[in-house]
Amino acid sequence: MRFLMTFTAAAALGAVAVAAAPVQKRATSRADKDRVAYEKLLAGKTPGKPLDCIDTRRTRPQLTAYGDKLIYRVSRKLVYVTDTGGGCEAVSRGDTIITRQFQTQLCRGDIARTVNLPAGIPSGSCAMGAFVPYRSQ
């Protein structure tokens, strides 16, 4: 009887380990896809001097996220990349980012929140890092 319980417990643990493996593989492939898309976006662009603030009034940038980086696309030739250190990754799956801006600038250190608008559920928060401009010739 003791042998049967040990064997059953070992089989159950093995089944859990097998079931967890595909989930880990998918997470890695998502990170790989994000990395490839991020590299493709910056291909052919030269990084400039990091800025503390960007003006969002005149540019109306498009926002995308790749991992813990937020990308503000101003035009085909100019994007700003800020490293948030994590917390706002939900933007990549469609959540909305909410910032509290003073005047028309978004600055390093500003806090952003992400919200799933249809459900009305907060999904994260992060602090903006320096904004690195990437320009193409």
Protein backbone atom coordinates (compact mmCIF):
# COMPACT_ATOMS: atom_id res chain seq x y z
CA MET A 1 0.00 0.00 0.00
CA ARG A 2 2.84 2.39 0.89
CA PHE A 3 4.52 1.62 -2.45
CA LEU A 4 1.31 2.44 -4.31
CA MET A 5 0.95 5.85 -2.58
CA THR A 6 4.61 6.73 -3.27
CA PHE A 7 4.28 5.71 -6.90
CA THR A 8 1.05 7.72 -7.30
CA ALA A 9 2.62 10.81 -5.68
CA ALA A 10 5.69 10.54 -7.93
CA ALA A 11 3.50 10.17 -11.02
CA ALA A 12 1.45 13.22 -10.02
CA LEU A 13 4.60 15.33 -9.54
CA GLY A 14 5.89 14.20 -12.92
CA ALA A 15 2.61 15.20 -14.57
CA VAL A 16 2.80 18.66 -12.99
CA ALA A 17 6.37 19.11 -14.25
CA VAL A 18 5.37 18.06 -17.77
CA ALA A 19 2.35 20.39 -17.77
CA ALA A 20 4.46 23.37 -16.63
CA ALA A 21 7.08 22.99 -19.36
CA PRO A 22 4.97 24.29 -22.30
CA VAL A 23 3.94 27.40 -20.32
CA GLN A 24 7.60 28.29 -19.75
CA LYS A 25 8.37 27.74 -23.44
CA ARG A 26 5.56 30.10 -24.49
CA ALA A 27 6.81 32.82 -22.13
CA THR A 28 10.28 32.57 -23.63
CA SER A 29 8.94 32.74 -27.17
CA ARG A 30 6.88 35.88 -26.29
CA ALA A 31 10.04 37.52 -24.94
CA ASP A 32 11.90 36.50 -28.10
CA LYS A 33 9.13 37.95 -30.28
CA ASP A 34 9.24 41.21 -28.31
CA ARG A 35 13.03 41.40 -28.66
CA VAL A 36 12.88 40.79 -32.42
CA ALA A 37 10.13 43.40 -32.91
CA TYR A 38 12.07 45.90 -30.76
CA GLU A 39 15.26 45.35 -32.75
CA LYS A 40 13.34 45.69 -36.03
CA LEU A 41 11.81 48.98 -34.88
CA LEU A 42 15.24 50.43 -34.03
CA ALA A 43 17.05 49.01 -37.08
CA GLY A 44 18.80 51.76 -39.01
CA LYS A 45 18.23 54.35 -36.28
CA THR A 46 21.01 56.03 -34.29
CA PRO A 47 20.58 56.66 -30.55
CA GLY A 48 20.99 60.24 -29.34
CA LYS A 49 21.67 61.82 -25.98
CA PRO A 50 19.09 60.78 -23.33
CA LEU A 51 16.53 63.47 -22.49
CA ASP A 52 14.80 64.10 -19.18
CA CYS A 53 11.51 65.18 -20.80
CA ILE A 54 9.66 64.96 -24.11
CA ASP A 55 6.92 67.26 -25.35
CA THR A 56 3.74 65.31 -26.09
CA ARG A 57 1.48 68.21 -27.08
CA ARG A 58 2.71 68.82 -30.62
CA THR A 59 3.81 65.32 -31.50
CA ARG A 60 0.90 63.08 -30.45
CA PRO A 61 3.19 60.03 -30.27
CA GLN A 62 2.00 56.47 -30.74
CA LEU A 63 2.82 54.26 -27.76
CA THR A 64 3.94 50.64 -27.88
CA ALA A 65 5.61 48.43 -25.31
CA TYR A 66 8.28 45.77 -25.60
CA GLY A 67 8.97 44.13 -22.26
CA ASP A 68 9.86 46.85 -19.76
CA LYS A 69 10.50 49.46 -22.46
CA LEU A 70 7.92 51.96 -23.71
CA ILE A 71 8.39 53.30 -27.21
CA TYR A 72 6.92 56.67 -28.21
CA ARG A 73 6.84 56.81 -32.00
CA VAL A 74 6.75 60.42 -33.17
CA SER A 75 7.34 59.66 -36.86
CA ARG A 76 8.92 57.03 -39.08
CA LYS A 77 12.25 58.73 -38.49
CA LEU A 78 12.03 59.47 -34.73
CA VAL A 79 11.17 57.29 -31.74
CA TYR A 80 11.81 57.78 -28.04
CA VAL A 81 12.61 54.76 -25.87
CA THR A 82 12.22 54.83 -22.10
CA ASP A 83 13.13 51.97 -19.79
CA THR A 84 10.53 51.75 -17.03
CA GLY A 85 12.18 49.01 -15.02
CA GLY A 86 8.98 46.98 -15.33
CA GLY A 87 5.38 47.30 -14.24
CA CYS A 88 3.77 48.65 -17.44
CA GLU A 89 4.11 45.56 -19.64
CA ALA A 90 0.30 45.33 -19.90
CA VAL A 91 0.43 48.05 -22.58
CA SER A 92 1.73 45.41 -24.98
CA ARG A 93 -1.50 43.42 -24.61
CA GLY A 94 -3.78 46.41 -25.12
CA ASP A 95 -4.14 48.05 -21.72
CA THR A 96 -4.23 51.85 -21.57
CA ILE A 97 -1.47 53.89 -19.97
CA ILE A 98 -2.50 56.83 -17.79
CA THR A 99 0.00 59.52 -16.88
CA ARG A 100 -0.34 62.71 -14.90
CA GLN A 101 1.50 65.34 -16.89
CA PHE A 102 2.24 68.85 -15.78
CA GLN A 103 1.96 71.18 -18.75
CA THR A 104 2.80 69.35 -21.98
CA GLN A 105 5.83 67.32 -20.98
CA LEU A 106 6.31 63.73 -19.94
CA CYS A 107 9.43 63.52 -17.78
CA ARG A 108 11.80 61.01 -16.24
CA GLY A 109 10.44 59.94 -12.87
CA ASP A 110 6.78 60.50 -13.79
CA ILE A 111 4.55 57.68 -12.61
CA ALA A 112 2.32 55.89 -15.12
CA ARG A 113 -0.51 53.47 -14.41
CA THR A 114 -1.93 50.85 -16.76
CA VAL A 115 -5.62 50.02 -16.79
CA ASN A 116 -7.73 47.47 -18.60
CA LEU A 117 -10.45 49.92 -19.64
CA PRO A 118 -13.27 47.49 -20.55
CA ALA A 119 -12.99 45.81 -17.15
CA GLY A 120 -11.96 48.96 -15.27
CA ILE A 121 -9.18 47.05 -13.53
CA PRO A 122 -5.73 48.55 -12.82
CA SER A 123 -3.03 46.26 -14.19
CA GLY A 124 0.26 47.90 -13.18
CA SER A 125 2.34 51.00 -12.66
CA CYS A 126 5.85 52.15 -13.50
CA ALA A 127 8.18 55.13 -13.40
CA MET A 128 9.44 56.68 -16.62
CA GLY A 129 13.16 56.53 -17.27
CA ALA A 130 15.25 58.83 -19.44
CA PHE A 131 13.96 59.20 -23.00
CA VAL A 132 16.52 58.11 -25.59
CA PRO A 133 15.80 59.49 -29.07
CA TYR A 134 16.48 57.15 -32.01
CA ARG A 135 16.65 58.90 -35.38
CA SER A 136 17.09 57.55 -38.87
CA GLN A 137 19.01 59.48 -41.51
